[in-house]
Amino acid sequence: MNINTGNSFSIAQQGLQRSQASAVEAAESIASPERLNGPADVSSVERPGERPESTSGTFEPLAQPIIQLKESQQLFDASAKVIEVSDRTIGALLDVSA
């Protein structure tokens, strides 16, 4: 009996690696010095009662990296589930063939 499990495990492992890289990228974006130090130009600071002006790309909205971080978590969870199910399936096949 030939059981080829390399494909599902390697795909799941790639998913884990991609999720880690994406999470690191999102975390670096959230904690970037530009975001922590605030705007370099004081005139671009939002004042109460004023509509915020475009900062011409100086700041990336915080929501985007947070969404990316959540997507990374879901990718990691899905990839871990693939490994878990593959492991159980192989175990069941080995039990049946034994």
C-alpha atoms as a PDB file:
ATOM      1  CA  MET A   1       0.000   0.000   0.000  1.00  0.00           C
ATOM      2  CA  ASN A   2       1.490   3.331  -1.090  1.00  0.00           C
ATOM      3  CA  ILE A   3       0.462   6.322   1.042  1.00  0.00           C
ATOM      4  CA  ASN A   4       1.674   9.668  -0.283  1.00  0.00           C
ATOM      5  CA  THR A   5       1.218  12.317   2.401  1.00  0.00           C
ATOM      6  CA  GLY A   6       4.031  14.607   1.370  1.00  0.00           C
ATOM      7  CA  ASN A   7       1.735  16.848  -0.607  1.00  0.00           C
ATOM      8  CA  SER A   8      -0.717  17.762   2.142  1.00  0.00           C
ATOM      9  CA  PHE A   9       2.020  18.192   4.726  1.00  0.00           C
ATOM     10  CA  SER A  10       4.190  20.342   2.449  1.00  0.00           C
ATOM     11  CA  ILE A  11       1.245  22.545   1.466  1.00  0.00           C
ATOM     12  CA  ALA A  12       0.318  22.973   5.138  1.00  0.00           C
ATOM     13  CA  GLN A  13       3.924  23.759   6.025  1.00  0.00           C
ATOM     14  CA  GLN A  14       4.042  26.412   3.287  1.00  0.00           C
ATOM     15  CA  GLY A  15       0.857  27.883   4.729  1.00  0.00           C
ATOM     16  CA  LEU A  16       2.433  28.043   8.188  1.00  0.00           C
ATOM     17  CA  GLN A  17       5.524  29.757   6.791  1.00  0.00           C
ATOM     18  CA  ARG A  18       3.472  32.254   4.782  1.00  0.00           C
ATOM     19  CA  SER A  19       1.314  33.076   7.776  1.00  0.00           C
ATOM     20  CA  GLN A  20       4.393  33.691   9.907  1.00  0.00           C
ATOM     21  CA  ALA A  21       5.971  35.961   7.294  1.00  0.00           C
ATOM     22  CA  SER A  22       2.733  37.876   6.855  1.00  0.00           C
ATOM     23  CA  ALA A  23       2.281  38.271  10.625  1.00  0.00           C
ATOM     24  CA  VAL A  24       5.834  39.591  11.001  1.00  0.00           C
ATOM     25  CA  GLU A  25       5.270  42.064   8.166  1.00  0.00           C
ATOM     26  CA  ALA A  26       2.012  43.292   9.723  1.00  0.00           C
ATOM     27  CA  ALA A  27       3.569  43.588  13.182  1.00  0.00           C
ATOM     28  CA  GLU A  28       6.502  45.555  11.789  1.00  0.00           C
ATOM     29  CA  SER A  29       4.088  47.882  10.029  1.00  0.00           C
ATOM     30  CA  ILE A  30       2.073  48.417  13.209  1.00  0.00           C
ATOM     31  CA  ALA A  31       5.192  49.074  15.297  1.00  0.00           C
ATOM     32  CA  SER A  32       7.088  51.081  12.688  1.00  0.00           C
ATOM     33  CA  PRO A  33       9.010  54.087  14.000  1.00  0.00           C
ATOM     34  CA  GLU A  34       7.062  56.412  11.690  1.00  0.00           C
ATOM     35  CA  ARG A  35       3.794  55.274  13.226  1.00  0.00           C
ATOM     36  CA  LEU A  36       5.111  55.468  16.808  1.00  0.00           C
ATOM     37  CA  ASN A  37       6.865  58.831  16.470  1.00  0.00           C
ATOM     38  CA  GLY A  38       3.962  60.583  14.790  1.00  0.00           C
ATOM     39  CA  PRO A  39       4.043  62.944  11.859  1.00  0.00           C
ATOM     40  CA  ALA A  40       7.254  64.824  11.163  1.00  0.00           C
ATOM     41  CA  ASP A  41       5.345  67.897   9.970  1.00  0.00           C
ATOM     42  CA  VAL A  42       3.358  69.592  12.749  1.00  0.00           C
ATOM     43  CA  SER A  43       1.038  71.215  10.222  1.00  0.00           C
ATOM     44  CA  SER A  44      -0.335  67.789   9.328  1.00  0.00           C
ATOM     45  CA  VAL A  45      -1.546  67.114  12.876  1.00  0.00           C
ATOM     46  CA  GLU A  46      -5.325  66.888  13.093  1.00  0.00           C
ATOM     47  CA  ARG A  47      -6.898  69.612  15.214  1.00  0.00           C
ATOM     48  CA  PRO A  48     -10.266  69.317  16.976  1.00  0.00           C
ATOM     49  CA  GLY A  49     -13.095  70.383  14.708  1.00  0.00           C
ATOM     50  CA  GLU A  50     -11.019  70.170  11.530  1.00  0.00           C
ATOM     51  CA  ARG A  51     -11.274  67.544   8.875  1.00  0.00           C
ATOM     52  CA  PRO A  52      -8.082  65.513   8.596  1.00  0.00           C
ATOM     53  CA  GLU A  53      -5.997  66.378   5.574  1.00  0.00           C
ATOM     54  CA  SER A  54      -4.308  63.791   3.448  1.00  0.00           C
ATOM     55  CA  THR A  55      -0.791  63.112   4.669  1.00  0.00           C
ATOM     56  CA  SER A  56       0.211  62.133   1.145  1.00  0.00           C
ATOM     57  CA  GLY A  57       1.110  58.581   2.077  1.00  0.00           C
ATOM     58  CA  THR A  58       3.103  59.419   5.205  1.00  0.00           C
ATOM     59  CA  PHE A  59       0.955  57.111   7.320  1.00  0.00           C
ATOM     60  CA  GLU A  60      -0.617  53.835   6.364  1.00  0.00           C
ATOM     61  CA  PRO A  61      -4.017  53.364   7.986  1.00  0.00           C
ATOM     62  CA  LEU A  62      -3.704  51.192  11.073  1.00  0.00           C
ATOM     63  CA  ALA A  63      -6.670  49.039  10.089  1.00  0.00           C
ATOM     64  CA  GLN A  64      -4.868  47.433   7.129  1.00  0.00           C
ATOM     65  CA  PRO A  65      -2.010  45.833   9.105  1.00  0.00           C
ATOM     66  CA  ILE A  66      -4.438  44.709  11.805  1.00  0.00           C
ATOM     67  CA  ILE A  67      -6.572  42.997   9.153  1.00  0.00           C
ATOM     68  CA  GLN A  68      -3.424  41.422   7.690  1.00  0.00           C
ATOM     69  CA  LEU A  69      -2.495  40.159  11.158  1.00  0.00           C
ATOM     70  CA  LYS A  70      -5.947  38.567  11.570  1.00  0.00           C
ATOM     71  CA  GLU A  71      -5.699  36.971   8.111  1.00  0.00           C
ATOM     72  CA  SER A  72      -2.296  35.555   9.068  1.00  0.00           C
ATOM     73  CA  GLN A  73      -3.801  34.029  12.192  1.00  0.00           C
ATOM     74  CA  GLN A  74      -6.596  32.410  10.172  1.00  0.00           C
ATOM     75  CA  LEU A  75      -4.105  31.057   7.611  1.00  0.00           C
ATOM     76  CA  PHE A  76      -2.026  29.603  10.424  1.00  0.00           C
ATOM     77  CA  ASP A  77      -5.069  27.993  12.048  1.00  0.00           C
ATOM     78  CA  ALA A  78      -6.216  26.517   8.720  1.00  0.00           C
ATOM     79  CA  SER A  79      -2.753  25.143   7.929  1.00  0.00           C
ATOM     80  CA  ALA A  80      -2.449  23.610  11.394  1.00  0.00           C
ATOM     81  CA  LYS A  81      -5.861  21.978  10.897  1.00  0.00           C
ATOM     82  CA  VAL A  82      -4.674  20.470   7.582  1.00  0.00           C
ATOM     83  CA  ILE A  83      -1.685  18.926   9.351  1.00  0.00           C
ATOM     84  CA  GLU A  84      -3.908  17.621  12.148  1.00  0.00           C
ATOM     85  CA  VAL A  85      -6.433  16.056   9.756  1.00  0.00           C
ATOM     86  CA  SER A  86      -3.678  14.556   7.586  1.00  0.00           C
ATOM     87  CA  ASP A  87      -2.073  13.033  10.657  1.00  0.00           C
ATOM     88  CA  ARG A  88      -5.366  11.524  11.806  1.00  0.00           C
ATOM     89  CA  THR A  89      -6.117  10.213   8.320  1.00  0.00           C
ATOM     90  CA  ILE A  90      -2.718   8.548   8.043  1.00  0.00           C
ATOM     91  CA  GLY A  91      -3.195   7.036  11.491  1.00  0.00           C
ATOM     92  CA  ALA A  92      -6.583   5.637  10.493  1.00  0.00           C
ATOM     93  CA  LEU A  93      -5.177   4.232   7.234  1.00  0.00           C
ATOM     94  CA  LEU A  94      -2.316   2.567   9.082  1.00  0.00           C
ATOM     95  CA  ASP A  95      -4.758   1.087  11.608  1.00  0.00           C
ATOM     96  CA  VAL A  96      -6.915  -0.302   8.783  1.00  0.00           C
ATOM     97  CA  SER A  97      -3.957  -1.731   6.880  1.00  0.00           C
ATOM     98  CA  ALA A  98      -2.410  -3.324   9.988  1.00  0.00           C
END
